[in-house]
Protein backbone atom coordinates (compact mmCIF):
# COMPACT_ATOMS: atom_id res chain seq x y z
CA MET A 1 0.13 0.15 0.03
CA LEU A 2 2.74 2.40 0.49
CA ARG A 3 4.22 1.34 -2.68
CA CYS A 4 1.04 2.31 -4.46
CA ALA A 5 0.70 6.12 -2.52
CA ALA A 6 4.57 7.01 -2.98
CA ALA A 7 3.87 5.94 -6.90
CA LEU A 8 1.16 8.14 -6.78
CA CYS A 9 2.49 11.25 -5.20
CA LEU A 10 5.52 10.41 -8.36
CA LEU A 11 2.76 10.98 -10.94
CA ALA A 12 1.59 14.12 -9.30
CA LEU A 13 4.36 16.22 -9.93
CA PRO A 14 4.45 18.29 -12.48
CA ALA A 15 6.63 17.20 -15.66
CA HIS A 16 9.48 19.16 -16.77
CA ALA A 17 8.36 20.44 -20.13
CA GLU A 18 11.50 20.58 -22.66
CA THR A 19 10.41 21.68 -25.61
CA TRP A 20 13.20 20.45 -28.82
CA VAL A 21 12.16 22.42 -32.39
CA ALA A 22 14.70 21.11 -35.20
CA MET A 23 16.49 24.64 -36.37
CA THR A 24 16.77 26.31 -40.40
CA GLY A 25 20.33 27.43 -41.49
CA SER A 26 18.66 31.04 -41.02
CA GLN A 27 17.72 30.20 -37.27
CA ILE A 28 20.87 29.03 -36.58
CA GLU A 29 22.60 32.30 -37.62
CA ALA A 30 20.70 34.08 -36.49
CA ALA A 31 20.62 32.41 -32.85
CA LEU A 32 24.35 31.85 -32.74
CA ASN A 33 25.66 35.63 -34.43
CA ASP A 34 27.51 37.21 -31.92
CA GLN A 35 26.66 35.73 -29.09
CA THR A 36 27.97 33.78 -26.30
CA LEU A 37 26.63 30.36 -24.89
CA ASP A 38 27.72 28.84 -21.22
CA TYR A 39 27.78 25.20 -21.08
CA LYS A 40 28.94 22.48 -18.27
CA ASP A 41 32.67 23.60 -18.10
CA ALA A 42 33.39 25.95 -20.97
CA TRP A 43 31.85 28.69 -23.36
CA GLN A 44 31.94 29.91 -26.41
CA THR A 45 31.60 32.76 -28.14
CA PHE A 46 30.44 33.23 -32.34
CA ASN A 47 31.23 36.46 -34.38
CA ALA A 48 29.84 37.69 -36.74
CA SER A 49 32.56 37.70 -39.05
CA GLY A 50 33.05 34.00 -38.92
CA THR A 51 34.87 33.36 -36.30
CA THR A 52 35.37 31.26 -32.72
CA LEU A 53 36.33 31.08 -29.48
CA TYR A 54 35.51 27.86 -26.94
CA ASN A 55 37.62 28.44 -23.27
CA ALA A 56 37.05 25.53 -21.25
CA GLY A 57 40.15 26.69 -19.17
CA ARG A 58 42.28 28.01 -22.24
CA ASP A 59 41.14 30.12 -25.00
CA SER A 60 40.59 27.86 -28.80
CA TRP A 61 39.72 30.14 -31.62
CA GLY A 62 38.65 28.33 -34.51
CA ALA A 63 35.93 28.86 -37.38
CA TRP A 64 31.92 28.58 -37.41
CA ARG A 65 29.62 29.18 -40.36
CA VAL A 66 26.53 27.97 -41.22
CA GLN A 67 25.89 25.15 -44.45
CA GLY A 68 22.32 24.02 -45.49
CA ASP A 69 20.65 23.43 -42.20
CA GLN A 70 24.02 22.49 -40.35
CA TYR A 71 26.02 24.33 -37.98
CA CYS A 72 29.69 23.35 -39.33
CA SER A 73 33.62 24.09 -37.30
CA GLU A 74 36.83 24.66 -38.19
CA TRP A 75 39.57 23.82 -35.16
CA PRO A 76 42.58 24.80 -36.33
CA PRO A 77 45.17 23.36 -36.50
CA ASN A 78 42.83 20.57 -37.56
CA ALA A 79 42.17 20.85 -41.35
CA GLY A 80 38.35 19.97 -42.20
CA TRP A 81 34.94 21.33 -41.07
CA ALA A 82 32.64 18.95 -38.64
CA CYS A 83 28.75 19.76 -38.92
CA TYR A 84 26.29 19.38 -36.58
CA ASP A 85 22.22 19.49 -36.91
CA MET A 86 20.74 21.86 -33.90
CA ALA A 87 17.74 22.00 -32.38
CA ARG A 88 16.65 24.81 -29.59
CA ASP A 89 15.10 24.31 -26.54
CA LEU A 90 11.71 26.74 -26.49
CA ASP A 91 10.88 26.28 -22.87
CA ASN A 92 14.61 26.96 -21.07
CA ASP A 93 16.67 29.24 -24.27
CA ARG A 94 18.67 26.41 -24.98
CA VAL A 95 20.42 25.04 -27.73
CA LYS A 96 21.77 21.97 -28.76
CA PHE A 97 24.31 20.51 -30.86
CA ILE A 98 23.66 17.13 -32.50
CA GLY A 99 26.09 15.16 -34.16
CA GLN A 100 26.43 12.33 -36.88
CA HIS A 101 26.34 9.59 -34.30
CA GLY A 102 23.73 11.09 -32.26
CA ASP A 103 26.06 12.70 -29.73
CA GLU A 104 24.81 15.96 -28.22
CA THR A 105 26.11 19.20 -26.33
CA ILE A 106 23.43 21.66 -25.12
CA GLY A 107 24.55 25.23 -24.39
CA TRP A 108 22.64 28.20 -22.42
CA PHE A 109 22.11 31.17 -24.13
CA ARG A 110 24.22 33.61 -21.78
CA ARG A 111 22.26 37.12 -21.34
C-alpha cells in the first residue's frame, strides 16, 4: 500500500517540459551571431565574422559557418569542417548540437 501511495505522489509532480525544435540554417545563423553560449564546463562566443572562441580553461580559436541546415566548425590545426544538426529548446532558451552519431552538446544563451 505504501508503495502505491509513493507512486501516486510521483505521478502528481509536474513534468519539466522540454520542447526541442529542429533549426533551419537561417535560424542557426540568427541564434548564434554575436552570441555566447555557456556549457557545463566551458563557454563559446560566435562572432558574426565567422570566428569562434571556445574556452574550457584556456582559449581555443576556430571558425564557424552555416552550411545548409547545419552548424559547421573548424579548429586549427585540424583541417576540415565538422557539421552538426541543431535544435532549440523553446521553453528554456537552450540549443543542442547533434553530431552525426547522435552525440549531443547543450548550451545555454548568456543574456
